[in-house]
């Protein structure tokens, strides 16, 4: 019975990540996407600055490391993203959200075996 429940949970998580995968771009919207990417990177840099400032105040907060890992991943700094999510897991290994975030990173890189 536990194997069935575990399999169903993995299937549900896989479906969530599958639906969150990026869609193919329409050629008519390439300029809009380019403009929004510039805006998104500026927002991501501001978010990164804010998280770094918060981490100076609370260096043992695993949630802040997870937030920063997500920002790094979105900015393309994969190595730093994995370092921060692993730091979150070292600080609080019982929080399943960190494992889901790490699995999402693997999934977005098409590393399905580790995901």
PDB file of N, CA and C in Angstrom:
ATOM      1  N   UNK A   1       0.822  -1.191   0.000  1.00  0.00           N
ATOM      2  CA  UNK A   1       0.000   0.000   0.000  1.00  0.00           C
ATOM      3  C   UNK A   1       0.870   1.261   0.000  1.00  0.00           C
ATOM      4  N   UNK A   2       1.966   1.226   0.757  1.00  0.00           N
ATOM      5  CA  UNK A   2       2.850   2.389   0.805  1.00  0.00           C
ATOM      6  C   UNK A   2       3.495   2.662  -0.551  1.00  0.00           C
ATOM      7  N   UNK A   3       3.786   1.593  -1.308  1.00  0.00           N
ATOM      8  CA  UNK A   3       4.390   1.770  -2.619  1.00  0.00           C
ATOM      9  C   UNK A   3       3.415   2.458  -3.570  1.00  0.00           C
ATOM     10  N   UNK A   4       2.156   2.124  -3.464  1.00  0.00           N
ATOM     11  CA  UNK A   4       1.150   2.744  -4.327  1.00  0.00           C
ATOM     12  C   UNK A   4       1.015   4.222  -3.993  1.00  0.00           C
ATOM     13  N   UNK A   5       0.956   4.546  -2.698  1.00  0.00           N
ATOM     14  CA  UNK A   5       0.838   5.946  -2.278  1.00  0.00           C
ATOM     15  C   UNK A   5       2.067   6.735  -2.704  1.00  0.00           C
ATOM     16  N   UNK A   6       3.242   6.147  -2.538  1.00  0.00           N
ATOM     17  CA  UNK A   6       4.479   6.813  -2.934  1.00  0.00           C
ATOM     18  C   UNK A   6       4.512   7.042  -4.446  1.00  0.00           C
ATOM     19  N   UNK A   7       4.098   6.044  -5.215  1.00  0.00           N
ATOM     20  CA  UNK A   7       4.066   6.178  -6.671  1.00  0.00           C
ATOM     21  C   UNK A   7       3.087   7.256  -7.114  1.00  0.00           C
ATOM     22  N   UNK A   8       1.954   7.315  -6.450  1.00  0.00           N
ATOM     23  CA  UNK A   8       0.964   8.344  -6.793  1.00  0.00           C
ATOM     24  C   UNK A   8       1.505   9.735  -6.473  1.00  0.00           C
ATOM     25  N   UNK A   9       2.224   9.866  -5.352  1.00  0.00           N
ATOM     26  CA  UNK A   9       2.782  11.155  -4.976  1.00  0.00           C
ATOM     27  C   UNK A   9       3.838  11.590  -5.999  1.00  0.00           C
ATOM     28  N   UNK A  10       4.708  10.683  -6.408  1.00  0.00           N
ATOM     29  CA  UNK A  10       5.715  11.012  -7.410  1.00  0.00           C
ATOM     30  C   UNK A  10       5.076  11.394  -8.744  1.00  0.00           C
ATOM     31  N   UNK A  11       4.024  10.675  -9.116  1.00  0.00           N
ATOM     32  CA  UNK A  11       3.318  10.996 -10.348  1.00  0.00           C
ATOM     33  C   UNK A  11       2.711  12.398 -10.271  1.00  0.00           C
ATOM     34  N   UNK A  12       2.123  12.740  -9.135  1.00  0.00           N
ATOM     35  CA  UNK A  12       1.522  14.067  -8.967  1.00  0.00           C
ATOM     36  C   UNK A  12       2.576  15.160  -9.047  1.00  0.00           C
ATOM     37  N   UNK A  13       3.723  14.942  -8.414  1.00  0.00           N
ATOM     38  CA  UNK A  13       4.800  15.940  -8.468  1.00  0.00           C
ATOM     39  C   UNK A  13       5.308  16.087  -9.891  1.00  0.00           C
ATOM     40  N   UNK A  14       5.463  14.966 -10.600  1.00  0.00           N
ATOM     41  CA  UNK A  14       5.929  15.019 -11.986  1.00  0.00           C
ATOM     42  C   UNK A  14       4.946  15.788 -12.858  1.00  0.00           C
ATOM     43  N   UNK A  15       3.681  15.606 -12.627  1.00  0.00           N
ATOM     44  CA  UNK A  15       2.661  16.308 -13.417  1.00  0.00           C
ATOM     45  C   UNK A  15       2.712  17.813 -13.161  1.00  0.00           C
ATOM     46  N   UNK A  16       2.937  18.203 -11.909  1.00  0.00           N
ATOM     47  CA  UNK A  16       3.031  19.629 -11.584  1.00  0.00           C
ATOM     48  C   UNK A  16       4.204  20.242 -12.331  1.00  0.00           C
ATOM     49  N   UNK A  17       5.372  19.566 -12.301  1.00  0.00           N
ATOM     50  CA  UNK A  17       6.532  20.102 -12.993  1.00  0.00           C
ATOM     51  C   UNK A  17       6.338  20.082 -14.502  1.00  0.00           C
ATOM     52  N   UNK A  18       5.651  19.078 -15.020  1.00  0.00           N
ATOM     53  CA  UNK A  18       5.427  18.993 -16.446  1.00  0.00           C
ATOM     54  C   UNK A  18       4.565  20.158 -16.928  1.00  0.00           C
ATOM     55  N   UNK A  19       3.557  20.516 -16.138  1.00  0.00           N
ATOM     56  CA  UNK A  19       2.684  21.622 -16.521  1.00  0.00           C
ATOM     57  C   UNK A  19       3.376  22.970 -16.366  1.00  0.00           C
ATOM     58  N   UNK A  20       4.429  23.048 -15.568  1.00  0.00           N
ATOM     59  CA  UNK A  20       5.158  24.294 -15.372  1.00  0.00           C
ATOM     60  C   UNK A  20       6.282  24.483 -16.380  1.00  0.00           C
ATOM     61  N   UNK A  21       6.475  23.516 -17.281  1.00  0.00           N
ATOM     62  CA  UNK A  21       7.554  23.597 -18.266  1.00  0.00           C
ATOM     63  C   UNK A  21       7.281  24.759 -19.224  1.00  0.00           C
ATOM     64  N   UNK A  22       8.350  25.417 -19.691  1.00  0.00           N
ATOM     65  CA  UNK A  22       8.148  26.540 -20.606  1.00  0.00           C
ATOM     66  C   UNK A  22       7.546  26.081 -21.931  1.00  0.00           C
ATOM     67  N   UNK A  23       6.693  26.900 -22.479  1.00  0.00           N
ATOM     68  CA  UNK A  23       6.031  26.611 -23.752  1.00  0.00           C
ATOM     69  C   UNK A  23       6.863  27.178 -24.894  1.00  0.00           C
ATOM     70  N   UNK A  24       6.605  26.681 -26.107  1.00  0.00           N
ATOM     71  CA  UNK A  24       7.308  27.193 -27.279  1.00  0.00           C
ATOM     72  C   UNK A  24       6.881  28.626 -27.541  1.00  0.00           C
ATOM     73  N   UNK A  25       7.838  29.436 -27.994  1.00  0.00           N
ATOM     74  CA  UNK A  25       7.573  30.850 -28.234  1.00  0.00           C
ATOM     75  C   UNK A  25       6.912  31.064 -29.586  1.00  0.00           C
ATOM     76  N   UNK A  26       5.991  31.970 -29.620  1.00  0.00           N
ATOM     77  CA  UNK A  26       5.355  32.403 -30.848  1.00  0.00           C
ATOM     78  C   UNK A  26       6.233  33.496 -31.457  1.00  0.00           C
ATOM     79  N   UNK A  27       6.575  33.441 -32.752  1.00  0.00           N
ATOM     80  CA  UNK A  27       7.453  34.454 -33.349  1.00  0.00           C
ATOM     81  C   UNK A  27       6.916  35.875 -33.207  1.00  0.00           C
ATOM     82  N   UNK A  28       5.614  36.038 -33.105  1.00  0.00           N
ATOM     83  CA  UNK A  28       5.036  37.371 -32.998  1.00  0.00           C
ATOM     84  C   UNK A  28       5.278  37.997 -31.640  1.00  0.00           C
ATOM     85  N   UNK A  29       5.594  37.196 -30.645  1.00  0.00           N
ATOM     86  CA  UNK A  29       5.751  37.726 -29.294  1.00  0.00           C
ATOM     87  C   UNK A  29       7.202  37.779 -28.840  1.00  0.00           C
ATOM     88  N   UNK A  30       8.154  37.592 -29.767  1.00  0.00           N
ATOM     89  CA  UNK A  30       9.558  37.578 -29.368  1.00  0.00           C
ATOM     90  C   UNK A  30      10.003  38.907 -28.777  1.00  0.00           C
ATOM     91  N   UNK A  31       9.560  40.038 -29.326  1.00  0.00           N
ATOM     92  CA  UNK A  31       9.959  41.344 -28.813  1.00  0.00           C
ATOM     93  C   UNK A  31       9.395  41.571 -27.422  1.00  0.00           C
ATOM     94  N   UNK A  32       8.152  41.180 -27.210  1.00  0.00           N
ATOM     95  CA  UNK A  32       7.538  41.331 -25.891  1.00  0.00           C
ATOM     96  C   UNK A  32       8.289  40.499 -24.868  1.00  0.00           C
ATOM     97  N   UNK A  33       8.660  39.298 -25.250  1.00  0.00           N
ATOM     98  CA  UNK A  33       9.404  38.422 -24.344  1.00  0.00           C
ATOM     99  C   UNK A  33      10.775  39.017 -24.041  1.00  0.00           C
ATOM    100  N   UNK A  34      11.443  39.571 -25.060  1.00  0.00           N
ATOM    101  CA  UNK A  34      12.756  40.182 -24.845  1.00  0.00           C
ATOM    102  C   UNK A  34      12.649  41.351 -23.882  1.00  0.00           C
ATOM    103  N   UNK A  35      11.622  42.192 -24.041  1.00  0.00           N
ATOM    104  CA  UNK A  35      11.434  43.320 -23.142  1.00  0.00           C
ATOM    105  C   UNK A  35      11.140  42.861 -21.720  1.00  0.00           C
ATOM    106  N   UNK A  36      10.321  41.832 -21.577  1.00  0.00           N
ATOM    107  CA  UNK A  36       9.984  41.358 -20.245  1.00  0.00           C
ATOM    108  C   UNK A  36      11.179  40.671 -19.588  1.00  0.00           C
ATOM    109  N   UNK A  37      12.074  40.080 -20.382  1.00  0.00           N
ATOM    110  CA  UNK A  37      13.265  39.447 -19.824  1.00  0.00           C
ATOM    111  C   UNK A  37      14.173  40.492 -19.200  1.00  0.00           C
ATOM    112  N   UNK A  38      14.312  41.621 -19.841  1.00  0.00           N
ATOM    113  CA  UNK A  38      15.117  42.704 -19.266  1.00  0.00           C
ATOM    114  C   UNK A  38      14.512  43.158 -17.951  1.00  0.00           C
ATOM    115  N   UNK A  39      13.216  43.347 -17.926  1.00  0.00           N
ATOM    116  CA  UNK A  39      12.531  43.757 -16.706  1.00  0.00           C
ATOM    117  C   UNK A  39      12.661  42.696 -15.630  1.00  0.00           C
ATOM    118  N   UNK A  40      12.510  41.424 -16.011  1.00  0.00           N
ATOM    119  CA  UNK A  40      12.614  40.334 -15.040  1.00  0.00           C
ATOM    120  C   UNK A  40      14.008  40.256 -14.439  1.00  0.00           C
ATOM    121  N   UNK A  41      15.050  40.499 -15.238  1.00  0.00           N
ATOM    122  CA  UNK A  41      16.408  40.412 -14.704  1.00  0.00           C
ATOM    123  C   UNK A  41      16.679  41.535 -13.719  1.00  0.00           C
ATOM    124  N   UNK A  42      16.127  42.715 -13.969  1.00  0.00           N
ATOM    125  CA  UNK A  42      16.281  43.825 -13.029  1.00  0.00           C
ATOM    126  C   UNK A  42      15.572  43.503 -11.723  1.00  0.00           C
ATOM    127  N   UNK A  43      14.373  42.941 -11.820  1.00  0.00           N
ATOM    128  CA  UNK A  43      13.624  42.551 -10.624  1.00  0.00           C
ATOM    129  C   UNK A  43      14.365  41.456  -9.880  1.00  0.00           C
ATOM    130  N   UNK A  44      14.932  40.492 -10.611  1.00  0.00           N
ATOM    131  CA  UNK A  44      15.671  39.402  -9.982  1.00  0.00           C
ATOM    132  C   UNK A  44      16.904  39.941  -9.265  1.00  0.00           C
ATOM    133  N   UNK A  45      17.582  40.924  -9.856  1.00  0.00           N
ATOM    134  CA  UNK A  45      18.749  41.516  -9.198  1.00  0.00           C
ATOM    135  C   UNK A  45      18.340  42.228  -7.908  1.00  0.00           C
ATOM    136  N   UNK A  46      17.211  42.925  -7.941  1.00  0.00           N
ATOM    137  CA  UNK A  46      16.708  43.583  -6.730  1.00  0.00           C
ATOM    138  C   UNK A  46      16.337  42.555  -5.675  1.00  0.00           C
ATOM    139  N   UNK A  47      15.700  41.468  -6.108  1.00  0.00           N
ATOM    140  CA  UNK A  47      15.339  40.406  -5.169  1.00  0.00           C
ATOM    141  C   UNK A  47      16.586  39.777  -4.563  1.00  0.00           C
ATOM    142  N   UNK A  48      17.602  39.572  -5.383  1.00  0.00           N
ATOM    143  CA  UNK A  48      18.851  38.993  -4.899  1.00  0.00           C
ATOM    144  C   UNK A  48      19.496  39.904  -3.868  1.00  0.00           C
ATOM    145  N   UNK A  49      19.490  41.192  -4.125  1.00  0.00           N
ATOM    146  CA  UNK A  49      20.053  42.150  -3.181  1.00  0.00           C
ATOM    147  C   UNK A  49      19.288  42.107  -1.861  1.00  0.00           C
ATOM    148  N   UNK A  50      17.958  42.066  -1.934  1.00  0.00           N
ATOM    149  CA  UNK A  50      17.147  42.023  -0.715  1.00  0.00           C
ATOM    150  C   UNK A  50      17.390  40.752   0.090  1.00  0.00           C
ATOM    151  N   UNK A  51      17.478  39.618  -0.594  1.00  0.00           N
ATOM    152  CA  UNK A  51      17.720  38.356   0.114  1.00  0.00           C
ATOM    153  C   UNK A  51      19.108  38.358   0.741  1.00  0.00           C
ATOM    154  N   UNK A  52      20.097  38.893   0.020  1.00  0.00           N
ATOM    155  CA  UNK A  52      21.448  38.959   0.582  1.00  0.00           C
ATOM    156  C   UNK A  52      21.489  39.834   1.828  1.00  0.00           C
ATOM    157  N   UNK A  53      20.764  40.934   1.811  1.00  0.00           N
ATOM    158  CA  UNK A  53      20.704  41.802   2.993  1.00  0.00           C
ATOM    159  C   UNK A  53      20.035  41.086   4.164  1.00  0.00           C
ATOM    160  N   UNK A  54      18.980  40.329   3.881  1.00  0.00           N
ATOM    161  CA  UNK A  54      18.312  39.578   4.941  1.00  0.00           C
ATOM    162  C   UNK A  54      19.214  38.474   5.487  1.00  0.00           C
ATOM    163  N   UNK A  55      20.005  37.858   4.608  1.00  0.00           N
ATOM    164  CA  UNK A  55      20.916  36.794   5.051  1.00  0.00           C
ATOM    165  C   UNK A  55      22.024  37.333   5.950  1.00  0.00           C
ATOM    166  N   UNK A  56      22.393  38.587   5.783  1.00  0.00           N
ATOM    167  CA  UNK A  56      23.389  39.179   6.678  1.00  0.00           C
ATOM    168  C   UNK A  56      22.855  39.262   8.102  1.00  0.00           C
ATOM    169  N   UNK A  57      21.548  39.442   8.220  1.00  0.00           N
ATOM    170  CA  UNK A  57      20.933  39.531   9.539  1.00  0.00           C
ATOM    171  C   UNK A  57      20.657  38.163  10.145  1.00  0.00           C
ATOM    172  N   UNK A  58      20.375  37.167   9.302  1.00  0.00           N
ATOM    173  CA  UNK A  58      19.991  35.830   9.779  1.00  0.00           C
ATOM    174  C   UNK A  58      20.664  34.783   8.897  1.00  0.00           C
ATOM    175  N   UNK A  59      21.908  34.450   9.227  1.00  0.00           N
ATOM    176  CA  UNK A  59      22.697  33.552   8.372  1.00  0.00           C
ATOM    177  C   UNK A  59      22.276  32.100   8.476  1.00  0.00           C
ATOM    178  N   UNK A  60      21.459  31.742   9.434  1.00  0.00           N
ATOM    179  CA  UNK A  60      21.030  30.350   9.602  1.00  0.00           C
ATOM    180  C   UNK A  60      19.570  30.141   9.226  1.00  0.00           C
ATOM    181  N   UNK A  61      19.045  30.969   8.345  1.00  0.00           N
ATOM    182  CA  UNK A  61      17.660  30.851   7.913  1.00  0.00           C
ATOM    183  C   UNK A  61      17.609  30.074   6.595  1.00  0.00           C
ATOM    184  N   UNK A  62      17.167  28.816   6.639  1.00  0.00           N
ATOM    185  CA  UNK A  62      17.168  28.008   5.418  1.00  0.00           C
ATOM    186  C   UNK A  62      16.191  28.515   4.351  1.00  0.00           C
ATOM    187  N   UNK A  63      15.121  29.184   4.755  1.00  0.00           N
ATOM    188  CA  UNK A  63      14.164  29.718   3.779  1.00  0.00           C
ATOM    189  C   UNK A  63      14.815  30.785   2.896  1.00  0.00           C
ATOM    190  N   UNK A  64      15.678  31.593   3.487  1.00  0.00           N
ATOM    191  CA  UNK A  64      16.359  32.626   2.705  1.00  0.00           C
ATOM    192  C   UNK A  64      17.332  32.008   1.701  1.00  0.00           C
ATOM    193  N   UNK A  65      17.991  30.939   2.107  1.00  0.00           N
ATOM    194  CA  UNK A  65      18.886  30.258   1.168  1.00  0.00           C
ATOM    195  C   UNK A  65      18.097  29.634   0.018  1.00  0.00           C
ATOM    196  N   UNK A  66      16.911  29.117   0.322  1.00  0.00           N
ATOM    197  CA  UNK A  66      16.073  28.561  -0.746  1.00  0.00           C
ATOM    198  C   UNK A  66      15.636  29.666  -1.709  1.00  0.00           C
ATOM    199  N   UNK A  67      15.228  30.814  -1.160  1.00  0.00           N
ATOM    200  CA  UNK A  67      14.822  31.930  -2.018  1.00  0.00           C
ATOM    201  C   UNK A  67      15.975  32.360  -2.922  1.00  0.00           C
ATOM    202  N   UNK A  68      17.164  32.461  -2.324  1.00  0.00           N
ATOM    203  CA  UNK A  68      18.319  32.887  -3.107  1.00  0.00           C
ATOM    204  C   UNK A  68      18.681  31.834  -4.152  1.00  0.00           C
ATOM    205  N   UNK A  69      18.517  30.559  -3.821  1.00  0.00           N
ATOM    206  CA  UNK A  69      18.788  29.497  -4.788  1.00  0.00           C
ATOM    207  C   UNK A  69      17.867  29.631  -5.998  1.00  0.00           C
ATOM    208  N   UNK A  70      16.593  29.914  -5.753  1.00  0.00           N
ATOM    209  CA  UNK A  70      15.647  30.089  -6.862  1.00  0.00           C
ATOM    210  C   UNK A  70      16.035  31.273  -7.739  1.00  0.00           C
ATOM    211  N   UNK A  71      16.471  32.357  -7.106  1.00  0.00           N
ATOM    212  CA  UNK A  71      16.880  33.538  -7.868  1.00  0.00           C
ATOM    213  C   UNK A  71      18.120  33.223  -8.695  1.00  0.00           C
ATOM    214  N   UNK A  72      19.106  32.577  -8.077  1.00  0.00           N
ATOM    215  CA  UNK A  72      20.313  32.195  -8.812  1.00  0.00           C
ATOM    216  C   UNK A  72      19.972  31.294  -9.997  1.00  0.00           C
ATOM    217  N   UNK A  73      19.086  30.340  -9.782  1.00  0.00           N
ATOM    218  CA  UNK A  73      18.720  29.428 -10.864  1.00  0.00           C
ATOM    219  C   UNK A  73      18.076  30.195 -12.015  1.00  0.00           C
ATOM    220  N   UNK A  74      17.174  31.123 -11.678  1.00  0.00           N
ATOM    221  CA  UNK A  74      16.518  31.918 -12.719  1.00  0.00           C
ATOM    222  C   UNK A  74      17.502  32.820 -13.457  1.00  0.00           C
ATOM    223  N   UNK A  75      18.550  33.254 -12.757  1.00  0.00           N
ATOM    224  CA  UNK A  75      19.569  34.097 -13.390  1.00  0.00           C
ATOM    225  C   UNK A  75      20.594  33.286 -14.181  1.00  0.00           C
ATOM    226  N   UNK A  76      20.541  31.953 -14.046  1.00  0.00           N
ATOM    227  CA  UNK A  76      21.441  31.099 -14.792  1.00  0.00           C
ATOM    228  C   UNK A  76      22.691  30.695 -14.034  1.00  0.00           C
ATOM    229  N   UNK A  77      22.800  31.058 -12.773  1.00  0.00           N
ATOM    230  CA  UNK A  77      23.949  30.679 -11.950  1.00  0.00           C
ATOM    231  C   UNK A  77      23.615  29.364 -11.247  1.00  0.00           C
ATOM    232  N   UNK A  78      23.725  28.284 -12.001  1.00  0.00           N
ATOM    233  CA  UNK A  78      23.274  26.965 -11.548  1.00  0.00           C
ATOM    234  C   UNK A  78      24.109  26.473 -10.363  1.00  0.00           C
ATOM    235  N   UNK A  79      25.401  26.676 -10.419  1.00  0.00           N
ATOM    236  CA  UNK A  79      26.285  26.203  -9.350  1.00  0.00           C
ATOM    237  C   UNK A  79      25.932  26.855  -8.009  1.00  0.00           C
ATOM    238  N   UNK A  80      25.705  28.155  -8.025  1.00  0.00           N
ATOM    239  CA  UNK A  80      25.327  28.857  -6.789  1.00  0.00           C
ATOM    240  C   UNK A  80      23.947  28.424  -6.309  1.00  0.00           C
ATOM    241  N   UNK A  81      23.053  28.140  -7.259  1.00  0.00           N
ATOM    242  CA  UNK A  81      21.709  27.700  -6.887  1.00  0.00           C
ATOM    243  C   UNK A  81      21.772  26.372  -6.143  1.00  0.00           C
ATOM    244  N   UNK A  82      22.548  25.431  -6.660  1.00  0.00           N
ATOM    245  CA  UNK A  82      22.672  24.140  -5.983  1.00  0.00           C
ATOM    246  C   UNK A  82      23.384  24.280  -4.638  1.00  0.00           C
ATOM    247  N   UNK A  83      24.371  25.159  -4.561  1.00  0.00           N
ATOM    248  CA  UNK A  83      25.073  25.367  -3.287  1.00  0.00           C
ATOM    249  C   UNK A  83      24.103  25.883  -2.234  1.00  0.00           C
ATOM    250  N   UNK A  84      23.236  26.837  -2.611  1.00  0.00           N
ATOM    251  CA  UNK A  84      22.296  27.406  -1.647  1.00  0.00           C
ATOM    252  C   UNK A  84      21.198  26.420  -1.260  1.00  0.00           C
ATOM    253  N   UNK A  85      20.679  25.652  -2.208  1.00  0.00           N
ATOM    254  CA  UNK A  85      19.621  24.703  -1.849  1.00  0.00           C
ATOM    255  C   UNK A  85      20.197  23.585  -0.986  1.00  0.00           C
ATOM    256  N   UNK A  86      21.446  23.215  -1.238  1.00  0.00           N
ATOM    257  CA  UNK A  86      22.086  22.219  -0.371  1.00  0.00           C
ATOM    258  C   UNK A  86      22.334  22.781   1.021  1.00  0.00           C
ATOM    259  N   UNK A  87      22.637  24.066   1.109  1.00  0.00           N
ATOM    260  CA  UNK A  87      22.806  24.709   2.420  1.00  0.00           C
ATOM    261  C   UNK A  87      21.482  24.713   3.177  1.00  0.00           C
ATOM    262  N   UNK A  88      20.380  24.953   2.462  1.00  0.00           N
ATOM    263  CA  UNK A  88      19.058  24.887   3.096  1.00  0.00           C
ATOM    264  C   UNK A  88      18.796  23.492   3.643  1.00  0.00           C
ATOM    265  N   UNK A  89      19.146  22.484   2.864  1.00  0.00           N
ATOM    266  CA  UNK A  89      18.931  21.102   3.298  1.00  0.00           C
ATOM    267  C   UNK A  89      19.829  20.738   4.477  1.00  0.00           C
ATOM    268  N   UNK A  90      21.034  21.294   4.520  1.00  0.00           N
ATOM    269  CA  UNK A  90      21.910  21.036   5.661  1.00  0.00           C
ATOM    270  C   UNK A  90      21.367  21.681   6.931  1.00  0.00           C
ATOM    271  N   UNK A  91      20.740  22.846   6.789  1.00  0.00           N
ATOM    272  CA  UNK A  91      20.190  23.531   7.961  1.00  0.00           C
ATOM    273  C   UNK A  91      18.891  22.906   8.442  1.00  0.00           C
ATOM    274  N   UNK A  92      18.062  22.432   7.504  1.00  0.00           N
ATOM    275  CA  UNK A  92      16.769  21.838   7.873  1.00  0.00           C
ATOM    276  C   UNK A  92      16.438  20.723   6.890  1.00  0.00           C
ATOM    277  N   UNK A  93      16.909  19.536   7.193  1.00  0.00           N
ATOM    278  CA  UNK A  93      16.720  18.415   6.281  1.00  0.00           C
ATOM    279  C   UNK A  93      15.330  17.797   6.362  1.00  0.00           C
ATOM    280  N   UNK A  94      14.502  18.260   7.281  1.00  0.00           N
ATOM    281  CA  UNK A  94      13.159  17.702   7.416  1.00  0.00           C
ATOM    282  C   UNK A  94      12.116  18.478   6.615  1.00  0.00           C
ATOM    283  N   UNK A  95      12.486  19.615   6.061  1.00  0.00           N
ATOM    284  CA  UNK A  95      11.553  20.424   5.282  1.00  0.00           C
ATOM    285  C   UNK A  95      11.521  19.905   3.841  1.00  0.00           C
ATOM    286  N   UNK A  96      10.397  19.324   3.459  1.00  0.00           N
ATOM    287  CA  UNK A  96      10.281  18.713   2.134  1.00  0.00           C
ATOM    288  C   UNK A  96      10.260  19.739   1.003  1.00  0.00           C
ATOM    289  N   UNK A  97       9.934  20.984   1.308  1.00  0.00           N
ATOM    290  CA  UNK A  97       9.914  22.013   0.261  1.00  0.00           C
ATOM    291  C   UNK A  97      11.280  22.188  -0.373  1.00  0.00           C
ATOM    292  N   UNK A  98      12.338  22.024   0.407  1.00  0.00           N
ATOM    293  CA  UNK A  98      13.686  22.177  -0.138  1.00  0.00           C
ATOM    294  C   UNK A  98      14.014  21.036  -1.103  1.00  0.00           C
ATOM    295  N   UNK A  99      13.547  19.844  -0.780  1.00  0.00           N
ATOM    296  CA  UNK A  99      13.760  18.711  -1.686  1.00  0.00           C
ATOM    297  C   UNK A  99      12.972  18.906  -2.981  1.00  0.00           C
ATOM    298  N   UNK A 100      11.783  19.451  -2.886  1.00  0.00           N
ATOM    299  CA  UNK A 100      10.973  19.705  -4.079  1.00  0.00           C
ATOM    300  C   UNK A 100      11.644  20.773  -4.944  1.00  0.00           C
ATOM    301  N   UNK A 101      12.194  21.793  -4.308  1.00  0.00           N
ATOM    302  CA  UNK A 101      12.902  22.833  -5.059  1.00  0.00           C
ATOM    303  C   UNK A 101      14.107  22.248  -5.780  1.00  0.00           C
ATOM    304  N   UNK A 102      14.877  21.420  -5.081  1.00  0.00           N
ATOM    305  CA  UNK A 102      16.050  20.806  -5.705  1.00  0.00           C
ATOM    306  C   UNK A 102      15.643  19.883  -6.848  1.00  0.00           C
ATOM    307  N   UNK A 103      14.568  19.124  -6.652  1.00  0.00           N
ATOM    308  CA  UNK A 103      14.063  18.261  -7.723  1.00  0.00           C
ATOM    309  C   UNK A 103      13.610  19.101  -8.917  1.00  0.00           C
ATOM    310  N   UNK A 104      13.022  20.253  -8.637  1.00  0.00           N
ATOM    311  CA  UNK A 104      12.616  21.154  -9.716  1.00  0.00           C
ATOM    312  C   UNK A 104      13.796  21.666 -10.514  1.00  0.00           C
ATOM    313  N   UNK A 105      14.895  21.954  -9.817  1.00  0.00           N
ATOM    314  CA  UNK A 105      16.105  22.383 -10.526  1.00  0.00           C
ATOM    315  C   UNK A 105      16.578  21.284 -11.466  1.00  0.00           C
ATOM    316  N   UNK A 106      16.645  20.054 -10.956  1.00  0.00           N
ATOM    317  CA  UNK A 106      17.070  18.937 -11.793  1.00  0.00           C
ATOM    318  C   UNK A 106      16.109  18.758 -12.969  1.00  0.00           C
ATOM    319  N   UNK A 107      14.825  18.869 -12.693  1.00  0.00           N
ATOM    320  CA  UNK A 107      13.823  18.666 -13.737  1.00  0.00           C
ATOM    321  C   UNK A 107      13.956  19.715 -14.834  1.00  0.00           C
ATOM    322  N   UNK A 108      14.162  20.969 -14.439  1.00  0.00           N
ATOM    323  CA  UNK A 108      14.285  22.043 -15.420  1.00  0.00           C
ATOM    324  C   UNK A 108      15.550  21.914 -16.256  1.00  0.00           C
ATOM    325  N   UNK A 109      16.531  21.172 -15.744  1.00  0.00           N
ATOM    326  CA  UNK A 109      17.741  20.916 -16.505  1.00  0.00           C
ATOM    327  C   UNK A 109      17.631  19.603 -17.292  1.00  0.00           C
ATOM    328  N   UNK A 110      16.473  18.998 -17.241  1.00  0.00           N
ATOM    329  CA  UNK A 110      16.183  17.732 -17.929  1.00  0.00           C
ATOM    330  C   UNK A 110      17.033  16.581 -17.391  1.00  0.00           C
ATOM    331  N   UNK A 111      17.374  16.654 -16.110  1.00  0.00           N
ATOM    332  CA  UNK A 111      18.073  15.571 -15.417  1.00  0.00           C
ATOM    333  C   UNK A 111      17.004  14.778 -14.649  1.00  0.00           C
ATOM    334  N   UNK A 112      16.226  14.002 -15.390  1.00  0.00           N
ATOM    335  CA  UNK A 112      15.061  13.335 -14.833  1.00  0.00           C
ATOM    336  C   UNK A 112      15.424  12.256 -13.817  1.00  0.00           C
ATOM    337  N   UNK A 113      16.569  11.653 -13.968  1.00  0.00           N
ATOM    338  CA  UNK A 113      16.979  10.609 -13.035  1.00  0.00           C
ATOM    339  C   UNK A 113      17.153  11.173 -11.631  1.00  0.00           C
ATOM    340  N   UNK A 114      17.824  12.298 -11.500  1.00  0.00           N
ATOM    341  CA  UNK A 114      18.009  12.918 -10.183  1.00  0.00           C
ATOM    342  C   UNK A 114      16.738  13.596  -9.688  1.00  0.00           C
ATOM    343  N   UNK A 115      15.929  14.088 -10.622  1.00  0.00           N
ATOM    344  CA  UNK A 115      14.685  14.749 -10.205  1.00  0.00           C
ATOM    345  C   UNK A 115      13.780  13.754  -9.531  1.00  0.00           C
TER     346      UNK A 115
END
